[in-house]
Amino acid sequence: MYELMGRAHAAALAQRGQGTVEYVGLVLLIAAILAGVIAIGDTLKGGGIAETVVKKLKDTITGLEAK
């Protein structure tokens, strides 16, 4: 009896397609972070980890665009 009630409750609350929306939101968030890192990277002077990270990201994006 409890199993039947549990299944009915789960079926009533099922939200279809929400996972896709969450993945799209996550991809947009990552894209915004990468865009910010690249924008800030153009203004950096000197060396260091930040410049290396920005250079690697730019190289990777350029490599993807070339394909």
C-alpha atoms as a PDB file:
ATOM      1  CA  MET A   1       0.000   0.000   0.000  1.00  0.00           C
ATOM      2  CA  TYR A   2       2.780   2.428   0.925  1.00  0.00           C
ATOM      3  CA  GLU A   3       4.695   1.533  -2.218  1.00  0.00           C
ATOM      4  CA  LEU A   4       1.673   2.350  -4.376  1.00  0.00           C
ATOM      5  CA  MET A   5       1.206   5.688  -2.602  1.00  0.00           C
ATOM      6  CA  GLY A   6       4.898   6.477  -3.029  1.00  0.00           C
ATOM      7  CA  ARG A   7       4.809   5.755  -6.742  1.00  0.00           C
ATOM      8  CA  ALA A   8       1.672   7.862  -7.206  1.00  0.00           C
ATOM      9  CA  HIS A   9       3.306  10.736  -5.329  1.00  0.00           C
ATOM     10  CA  ALA A  10       6.508  10.475  -7.393  1.00  0.00           C
ATOM     11  CA  ALA A  11       4.544  10.400 -10.642  1.00  0.00           C
ATOM     12  CA  ALA A  12       2.532  13.452  -9.641  1.00  0.00           C
ATOM     13  CA  LEU A  13       5.657  15.477  -8.857  1.00  0.00           C
ATOM     14  CA  ALA A  14       7.769  14.392 -11.826  1.00  0.00           C
ATOM     15  CA  GLN A  15       9.172  17.325 -13.765  1.00  0.00           C
ATOM     16  CA  ARG A  16      10.202  16.378 -17.249  1.00  0.00           C
ATOM     17  CA  GLY A  17      12.791  18.409 -19.126  1.00  0.00           C
ATOM     18  CA  GLN A  18      14.149  20.272 -16.120  1.00  0.00           C
ATOM     19  CA  GLY A  19      17.544  18.580 -16.445  1.00  0.00           C
ATOM     20  CA  THR A  20      18.001  20.114 -19.882  1.00  0.00           C
ATOM     21  CA  VAL A  21      17.258  23.586 -18.557  1.00  0.00           C
ATOM     22  CA  GLU A  22      19.784  23.112 -15.761  1.00  0.00           C
ATOM     23  CA  TYR A  23      22.489  21.985 -18.209  1.00  0.00           C
ATOM     24  CA  VAL A  24      21.836  24.979 -20.462  1.00  0.00           C
ATOM     25  CA  GLY A  25      22.132  27.276 -17.446  1.00  0.00           C
ATOM     26  CA  LEU A  26      25.392  25.619 -16.444  1.00  0.00           C
ATOM     27  CA  VAL A  27      26.838  25.987 -19.950  1.00  0.00           C
ATOM     28  CA  LEU A  28      25.856  29.669 -20.030  1.00  0.00           C
ATOM     29  CA  LEU A  29      27.480  30.227 -16.639  1.00  0.00           C
ATOM     30  CA  ILE A  30      30.732  28.614 -17.775  1.00  0.00           C
ATOM     31  CA  ALA A  31      30.670  30.665 -20.995  1.00  0.00           C
ATOM     32  CA  ALA A  32      30.228  33.876 -18.990  1.00  0.00           C
ATOM     33  CA  ILE A  33      33.131  32.984 -16.705  1.00  0.00           C
ATOM     34  CA  LEU A  34      35.392  32.211 -19.668  1.00  0.00           C
ATOM     35  CA  ALA A  35      34.405  35.464 -21.381  1.00  0.00           C
ATOM     36  CA  GLY A  36      35.256  37.365 -18.198  1.00  0.00           C
ATOM     37  CA  VAL A  37      38.632  35.657 -17.876  1.00  0.00           C
ATOM     38  CA  ILE A  38      39.477  36.466 -21.488  1.00  0.00           C
ATOM     39  CA  ALA A  39      38.339  40.092 -21.131  1.00  0.00           C
ATOM     40  CA  ILE A  40      40.423  40.554 -18.000  1.00  0.00           C
ATOM     41  CA  GLY A  41      43.356  38.761 -19.597  1.00  0.00           C
ATOM     42  CA  ASP A  42      43.715  41.472 -22.230  1.00  0.00           C
ATOM     43  CA  THR A  43      44.389  44.064 -19.515  1.00  0.00           C
ATOM     44  CA  LEU A  44      46.997  42.047 -17.558  1.00  0.00           C
ATOM     45  CA  LYS A  45      50.566  43.242 -17.559  1.00  0.00           C
ATOM     46  CA  GLY A  46      53.551  41.154 -16.604  1.00  0.00           C
ATOM     47  CA  GLY A  47      53.704  37.411 -16.246  1.00  0.00           C
ATOM     48  CA  GLY A  48      52.347  34.888 -13.861  1.00  0.00           C
ATOM     49  CA  ILE A  49      49.737  32.236 -13.581  1.00  0.00           C
ATOM     50  CA  ALA A  50      46.860  34.453 -14.705  1.00  0.00           C
ATOM     51  CA  GLU A  51      48.544  35.299 -17.975  1.00  0.00           C
ATOM     52  CA  THR A  52      49.426  31.665 -18.609  1.00  0.00           C
ATOM     53  CA  VAL A  53      45.829  30.561 -17.980  1.00  0.00           C
ATOM     54  CA  VAL A  54      44.458  33.259 -20.267  1.00  0.00           C
ATOM     55  CA  LYS A  55      46.944  32.346 -23.012  1.00  0.00           C
ATOM     56  CA  LYS A  56      46.026  28.649 -22.812  1.00  0.00           C
ATOM     57  CA  LEU A  57      42.294  29.449 -22.914  1.00  0.00           C
ATOM     58  CA  LYS A  58      42.735  31.720 -25.917  1.00  0.00           C
ATOM     59  CA  ASP A  59      44.809  29.085 -27.713  1.00  0.00           C
ATOM     60  CA  THR A  60      42.167  26.447 -27.030  1.00  0.00           C
ATOM     61  CA  ILE A  61      39.322  28.661 -28.238  1.00  0.00           C
ATOM     62  CA  THR A  62      41.272  29.626 -31.352  1.00  0.00           C
ATOM     63  CA  GLY A  63      41.969  25.950 -32.018  1.00  0.00           C
ATOM     64  CA  LEU A  64      38.259  25.147 -31.756  1.00  0.00           C
ATOM     65  CA  GLU A  65      37.302  27.983 -34.077  1.00  0.00           C
ATOM     66  CA  ALA A  66      39.774  26.788 -36.721  1.00  0.00           C
ATOM     67  CA  LYS A  67      38.121  23.370 -36.968  1.00  0.00           C
END
